Amino acid sequence: MAPTGRIASKDHKRLDSTVAFATRLEKALRDASDTVPLLADALLDQIESIAVVSSSAFVDKTRDFDERGTRIWNLASKLKNDAESGATLAQGLRAIQLRQGAGS
């Protein structure tokens, strides 16, 4: 059996990785980046990774997760509202046009 300190360290690394992912996700949502769909697979990986983390390790990261989660929720809500108004669709079309123009 692994020493408790070693397990805690591994748990903290997993949680740090998830916080870093949340930071990238938040930035992608804020920028309304076309990389958001690619983050869905990464999100699943993060969820699976932290599923095995001990509950005591979460105590140290509770505030980080709460703050990031709130910001991601707010940004996702904004994107949904923008999509309903057509603003996000227009941004997506511009991104596709720029990408096609760059490939020419």
N, C-alpha and C. Protein backbone atom coordinates (compact mmCIF):
# COMPACT_ATOMS: atom_id res chain seq x y z
N MET A 1 0.85 -1.18 0.00
CA MET A 1 0.00 0.00 0.00
C MET A 1 0.89 1.25 0.00
N ALA A 2 0.52 2.23 -0.78
CA ALA A 2 1.32 3.46 -0.89
C ALA A 2 1.18 4.30 0.37
N PRO A 3 2.23 5.01 0.73
CA PRO A 3 2.16 5.89 1.90
C PRO A 3 1.11 6.97 1.70
N THR A 4 0.50 7.40 2.80
CA THR A 4 -0.57 8.39 2.75
C THR A 4 -0.11 9.69 2.09
N GLY A 5 1.10 10.15 2.42
CA GLY A 5 1.62 11.39 1.82
C GLY A 5 1.73 11.29 0.31
N ARG A 6 2.10 10.12 -0.16
CA ARG A 6 2.25 9.91 -1.60
C ARG A 6 0.89 9.94 -2.30
N ILE A 7 -0.10 9.33 -1.65
CA ILE A 7 -1.46 9.36 -2.22
C ILE A 7 -1.99 10.79 -2.23
N ALA A 8 -1.80 11.50 -1.14
CA ALA A 8 -2.27 12.89 -1.07
C ALA A 8 -1.60 13.73 -2.15
N SER A 9 -0.31 13.51 -2.37
CA SER A 9 0.40 14.27 -3.40
C SER A 9 -0.17 13.96 -4.78
N LYS A 10 -0.46 12.70 -5.05
CA LYS A 10 -1.02 12.31 -6.33
C LYS A 10 -2.42 12.92 -6.51
N ASP A 11 -3.20 12.91 -5.44
CA ASP A 11 -4.53 13.52 -5.48
C ASP A 11 -4.44 15.01 -5.77
N HIS A 12 -3.50 15.68 -5.12
CA HIS A 12 -3.34 17.12 -5.33
C HIS A 12 -2.91 17.41 -6.76
N LYS A 13 -2.06 16.57 -7.33
CA LYS A 13 -1.65 16.77 -8.73
C LYS A 13 -2.86 16.62 -9.65
N ARG A 14 -3.71 15.63 -9.39
CA ARG A 14 -4.91 15.45 -10.21
C ARG A 14 -5.82 16.67 -10.09
N LEU A 15 -5.97 17.16 -8.88
CA LEU A 15 -6.83 18.33 -8.68
C LEU A 15 -6.23 19.57 -9.31
N ASP A 16 -4.92 19.74 -9.19
CA ASP A 16 -4.26 20.88 -9.85
C ASP A 16 -4.46 20.82 -11.35
N SER A 17 -4.37 19.62 -11.90
CA SER A 17 -4.59 19.43 -13.34
C SER A 17 -6.01 19.83 -13.71
N THR A 18 -6.98 19.49 -12.89
CA THR A 18 -8.36 19.82 -13.16
C THR A 18 -8.60 21.32 -13.04
N VAL A 19 -7.97 21.96 -12.07
CA VAL A 19 -8.09 23.41 -11.95
C VAL A 19 -7.47 24.09 -13.17
N ALA A 20 -6.34 23.59 -13.65
CA ALA A 20 -5.71 24.14 -14.85
C ALA A 20 -6.63 23.96 -16.06
N PHE A 21 -7.26 22.80 -16.16
CA PHE A 21 -8.21 22.57 -17.24
C PHE A 21 -9.37 23.55 -17.15
N ALA A 22 -9.90 23.75 -15.95
CA ALA A 22 -11.01 24.68 -15.76
C ALA A 22 -10.61 26.09 -16.19
N THR A 23 -9.36 26.45 -15.94
CA THR A 23 -8.86 27.76 -16.36
C THR A 23 -8.86 27.86 -17.88
N ARG A 24 -8.39 26.80 -18.56
CA ARG A 24 -8.40 26.79 -20.04
C ARG A 24 -9.82 26.83 -20.58
N LEU A 25 -10.71 26.07 -19.94
CA LEU A 25 -12.11 26.05 -20.37
C LEU A 25 -12.73 27.44 -20.21
N GLU A 26 -12.47 28.05 -19.08
CA GLU A 26 -13.00 29.40 -18.83
C GLU A 26 -12.52 30.37 -19.91
N LYS A 27 -11.23 30.31 -20.25
CA LYS A 27 -10.69 31.19 -21.28
C LYS A 27 -11.33 30.92 -22.64
N ALA A 28 -11.49 29.64 -22.97
CA ALA A 28 -12.11 29.29 -24.26
C ALA A 28 -13.54 29.79 -24.33
N LEU A 29 -14.27 29.66 -23.23
CA LEU A 29 -15.65 30.15 -23.22
C LEU A 29 -15.69 31.67 -23.29
N ARG A 30 -14.78 32.32 -22.58
CA ARG A 30 -14.74 33.79 -22.59
C ARG A 30 -14.44 34.30 -23.99
N ASP A 31 -13.54 33.64 -24.67
CA ASP A 31 -13.15 34.06 -26.01
C ASP A 31 -14.12 33.56 -27.08
N ALA A 32 -15.11 32.75 -26.65
CA ALA A 32 -16.05 32.11 -27.59
C ALA A 32 -15.26 31.43 -28.69
N SER A 33 -14.20 30.79 -28.28
CA SER A 33 -13.28 30.13 -29.20
C SER A 33 -13.93 28.93 -29.86
N ASP A 34 -13.47 28.63 -31.07
CA ASP A 34 -14.00 27.45 -31.76
C ASP A 34 -13.33 26.17 -31.25
N THR A 35 -12.52 26.27 -30.19
CA THR A 35 -11.93 25.08 -29.59
C THR A 35 -12.83 24.47 -28.53
N VAL A 36 -13.94 25.11 -28.22
CA VAL A 36 -14.82 24.60 -27.17
C VAL A 36 -15.26 23.16 -27.43
N PRO A 37 -15.68 22.78 -28.64
CA PRO A 37 -16.08 21.38 -28.84
C PRO A 37 -14.95 20.40 -28.54
N LEU A 38 -13.71 20.77 -28.79
CA LEU A 38 -12.59 19.90 -28.51
C LEU A 38 -12.39 19.69 -27.01
N LEU A 39 -12.88 20.61 -26.21
CA LEU A 39 -12.72 20.51 -24.77
C LEU A 39 -13.67 19.50 -24.15
N ALA A 40 -14.68 19.06 -24.88
CA ALA A 40 -15.63 18.10 -24.32
C ALA A 40 -14.93 16.80 -23.94
N ASP A 41 -14.07 16.29 -24.81
CA ASP A 41 -13.32 15.07 -24.49
C ASP A 41 -12.39 15.29 -23.32
N ALA A 42 -11.75 16.44 -23.28
CA ALA A 42 -10.84 16.76 -22.18
C ALA A 42 -11.61 16.86 -20.87
N LEU A 43 -12.83 17.38 -20.93
CA LEU A 43 -13.66 17.48 -19.73
C LEU A 43 -13.96 16.09 -19.18
N LEU A 44 -14.31 15.17 -20.05
CA LEU A 44 -14.58 13.80 -19.61
C LEU A 44 -13.34 13.19 -18.97
N ASP A 45 -12.17 13.42 -19.56
CA ASP A 45 -10.92 12.92 -18.98
C ASP A 45 -10.71 13.48 -17.58
N GLN A 46 -10.98 14.77 -17.39
CA GLN A 46 -10.79 15.39 -16.08
C GLN A 46 -11.76 14.81 -15.05
N ILE A 47 -12.98 14.59 -15.46
CA ILE A 47 -13.97 14.03 -14.54
C ILE A 47 -13.55 12.63 -14.11
N GLU A 48 -13.10 11.84 -15.07
CA GLU A 48 -12.64 10.49 -14.73
C GLU A 48 -11.41 10.52 -13.84
N SER A 49 -10.55 11.48 -14.06
CA SER A 49 -9.32 11.60 -13.27
C SER A 49 -9.60 11.93 -11.81
N ILE A 50 -10.52 12.85 -11.58
CA ILE A 50 -10.76 13.25 -10.18
C ILE A 50 -11.75 12.33 -9.48
N ALA A 51 -12.37 11.42 -10.21
CA ALA A 51 -13.31 10.49 -9.58
C ALA A 51 -12.62 9.61 -8.54
N VAL A 52 -11.31 9.42 -8.67
CA VAL A 52 -10.57 8.54 -7.76
C VAL A 52 -9.84 9.33 -6.67
N VAL A 53 -10.00 10.63 -6.63
CA VAL A 53 -9.31 11.47 -5.65
C VAL A 53 -10.00 11.35 -4.29
N SER A 54 -9.21 11.29 -3.25
CA SER A 54 -9.78 11.19 -1.91
C SER A 54 -10.52 12.47 -1.55
N SER A 55 -11.55 12.32 -0.75
CA SER A 55 -12.37 13.49 -0.39
C SER A 55 -11.58 14.51 0.43
N SER A 56 -10.59 14.04 1.20
CA SER A 56 -9.81 14.99 2.00
C SER A 56 -8.97 15.90 1.12
N ALA A 57 -8.56 15.41 -0.03
CA ALA A 57 -7.78 16.25 -0.94
C ALA A 57 -8.63 17.37 -1.52
N PHE A 58 -9.93 17.14 -1.67
CA PHE A 58 -10.82 18.17 -2.20
C PHE A 58 -10.92 19.38 -1.29
N VAL A 59 -10.75 19.17 -0.01
CA VAL A 59 -10.90 20.27 0.96
C VAL A 59 -9.99 21.43 0.59
N ASP A 60 -8.75 21.12 0.18
CA ASP A 60 -7.79 22.18 -0.17
C ASP A 60 -8.18 22.93 -1.43
N LYS A 61 -8.95 22.32 -2.29
CA LYS A 61 -9.28 22.92 -3.59
C LYS A 61 -10.73 23.40 -3.70
N THR A 62 -11.47 23.29 -2.63
CA THR A 62 -12.90 23.63 -2.68
C THR A 62 -13.13 25.03 -3.22
N ARG A 63 -12.38 26.00 -2.71
CA ARG A 63 -12.58 27.39 -3.15
C ARG A 63 -12.26 27.56 -4.63
N ASP A 64 -11.13 26.96 -5.09
CA ASP A 64 -10.77 27.03 -6.51
C ASP A 64 -11.89 26.48 -7.38
N PHE A 65 -12.39 25.29 -7.02
CA PHE A 65 -13.44 24.67 -7.82
C PHE A 65 -14.71 25.50 -7.79
N ASP A 66 -15.06 26.04 -6.66
CA ASP A 66 -16.27 26.85 -6.55
C ASP A 66 -16.17 28.11 -7.41
N GLU A 67 -15.04 28.81 -7.31
CA GLU A 67 -14.87 30.05 -8.09
C GLU A 67 -14.83 29.77 -9.58
N ARG A 68 -14.03 28.78 -9.99
CA ARG A 68 -13.95 28.44 -11.42
C ARG A 68 -15.28 27.96 -11.94
N GLY A 69 -15.94 27.11 -11.16
CA GLY A 69 -17.23 26.57 -11.58
C GLY A 69 -18.26 27.67 -11.79
N THR A 70 -18.27 28.63 -10.90
CA THR A 70 -19.21 29.75 -11.02
C THR A 70 -18.91 30.56 -12.28
N ARG A 71 -17.63 30.85 -12.52
CA ARG A 71 -17.28 31.62 -13.73
C ARG A 71 -17.60 30.85 -15.00
N ILE A 72 -17.32 29.55 -15.01
CA ILE A 72 -17.62 28.74 -16.20
C ILE A 72 -19.13 28.70 -16.42
N TRP A 73 -19.89 28.52 -15.35
CA TRP A 73 -21.35 28.52 -15.47
C TRP A 73 -21.84 29.84 -16.06
N ASN A 74 -21.34 30.95 -15.54
CA ASN A 74 -21.77 32.26 -16.03
C ASN A 74 -21.40 32.46 -17.50
N LEU A 75 -20.20 32.04 -17.89
CA LEU A 75 -19.78 32.18 -19.28
C LEU A 75 -20.61 31.28 -20.20
N ALA A 76 -20.89 30.06 -19.75
CA ALA A 76 -21.72 29.15 -20.54
C ALA A 76 -23.13 29.72 -20.71
N SER A 77 -23.67 30.31 -19.65
CA SER A 77 -24.99 30.93 -19.73
C SER A 77 -24.98 32.09 -20.72
N LYS A 78 -23.90 32.87 -20.69
CA LYS A 78 -23.78 34.00 -21.62
C LYS A 78 -23.72 33.48 -23.06
N LEU A 79 -22.93 32.42 -23.29
CA LEU A 79 -22.84 31.86 -24.64
C LEU A 79 -24.20 31.33 -25.11
N LYS A 80 -24.93 30.71 -24.21
CA LYS A 80 -26.26 30.21 -24.57
C LYS A 80 -27.17 31.37 -24.96
N ASN A 81 -27.15 32.42 -24.16
CA ASN A 81 -27.97 33.60 -24.47
C ASN A 81 -27.54 34.24 -25.78
N ASP A 82 -26.22 34.32 -26.00
CA ASP A 82 -25.72 34.88 -27.26
C ASP A 82 -26.15 34.02 -28.44
N ALA A 83 -26.08 32.69 -28.26
CA ALA A 83 -26.47 31.78 -29.34
C ALA A 83 -27.94 31.96 -29.69
N GLU A 84 -28.74 32.14 -28.65
CA GLU A 84 -30.17 32.35 -28.90
C GLU A 84 -30.43 33.65 -29.64
N SER A 85 -29.53 34.63 -29.45
CA SER A 85 -29.70 35.91 -30.15
C SER A 85 -28.99 35.91 -31.50
N GLY A 86 -28.24 34.85 -31.79
CA GLY A 86 -27.54 34.75 -33.06
C GLY A 86 -26.13 35.31 -33.04
N ALA A 87 -25.70 35.91 -31.93
CA ALA A 87 -24.37 36.53 -31.86
C ALA A 87 -23.27 35.49 -32.00
N THR A 88 -23.40 34.35 -31.34
CA THR A 88 -22.37 33.33 -31.39
C THR A 88 -22.30 32.72 -32.78
N LEU A 89 -23.43 32.54 -33.43
CA LEU A 89 -23.45 32.00 -34.78
C LEU A 89 -22.66 32.91 -35.71
N ALA A 90 -22.85 34.20 -35.57
CA ALA A 90 -22.12 35.14 -36.42
C ALA A 90 -20.61 35.05 -36.15
N GLN A 91 -20.22 34.91 -34.89
CA GLN A 91 -18.80 34.76 -34.56
C GLN A 91 -18.24 33.48 -35.17
N GLY A 92 -19.00 32.40 -35.09
CA GLY A 92 -18.56 31.12 -35.65
C GLY A 92 -18.39 31.20 -37.15
N LEU A 93 -19.32 31.86 -37.81
CA LEU A 93 -19.21 32.02 -39.26
C LEU A 93 -17.98 32.85 -39.64
N ARG A 94 -17.71 33.90 -38.86
CA ARG A 94 -16.51 34.71 -39.12
C ARG A 94 -15.25 33.87 -38.94
N ALA A 95 -15.22 33.03 -37.90
CA ALA A 95 -14.05 32.19 -37.65
C ALA A 95 -13.84 31.21 -38.79
N ILE A 96 -14.91 30.63 -39.31
CA ILE A 96 -14.80 29.69 -40.43
C ILE A 96 -14.30 30.43 -41.67
N GLN A 97 -14.84 31.60 -41.93
CA GLN A 97 -14.41 32.38 -43.08
C GLN A 97 -12.93 32.74 -42.98
N LEU A 98 -12.49 33.14 -41.80
CA LEU A 98 -11.08 33.47 -41.60
C LEU A 98 -10.19 32.25 -41.82
N ARG A 99 -10.63 31.09 -41.29
CA ARG A 99 -9.87 29.87 -41.44
C ARG A 99 -9.78 29.47 -42.92
N GLN A 100 -10.89 29.59 -43.63
CA GLN A 100 -10.88 29.24 -45.05
C GLN A 100 -10.00 30.20 -45.84
N GLY A 101 -10.04 31.47 -45.46
CA GLY A 101 -9.20 32.47 -46.12
C GLY A 101 -7.73 32.22 -45.88
N ALA A 102 -7.39 31.73 -44.68
CA ALA A 102 -5.99 31.45 -44.34
C ALA A 102 -5.49 30.22 -45.10
N GLY A 103 -6.40 29.31 -45.44
CA GLY A 103 -6.00 28.10 -46.15
C GLY A 103 -5.80 28.32 -47.64
N SER A 104 -6.27 29.45 -48.15
CA SER A 104 -6.16 29.72 -49.60
C SER A 104 -4.76 30.09 -50.00
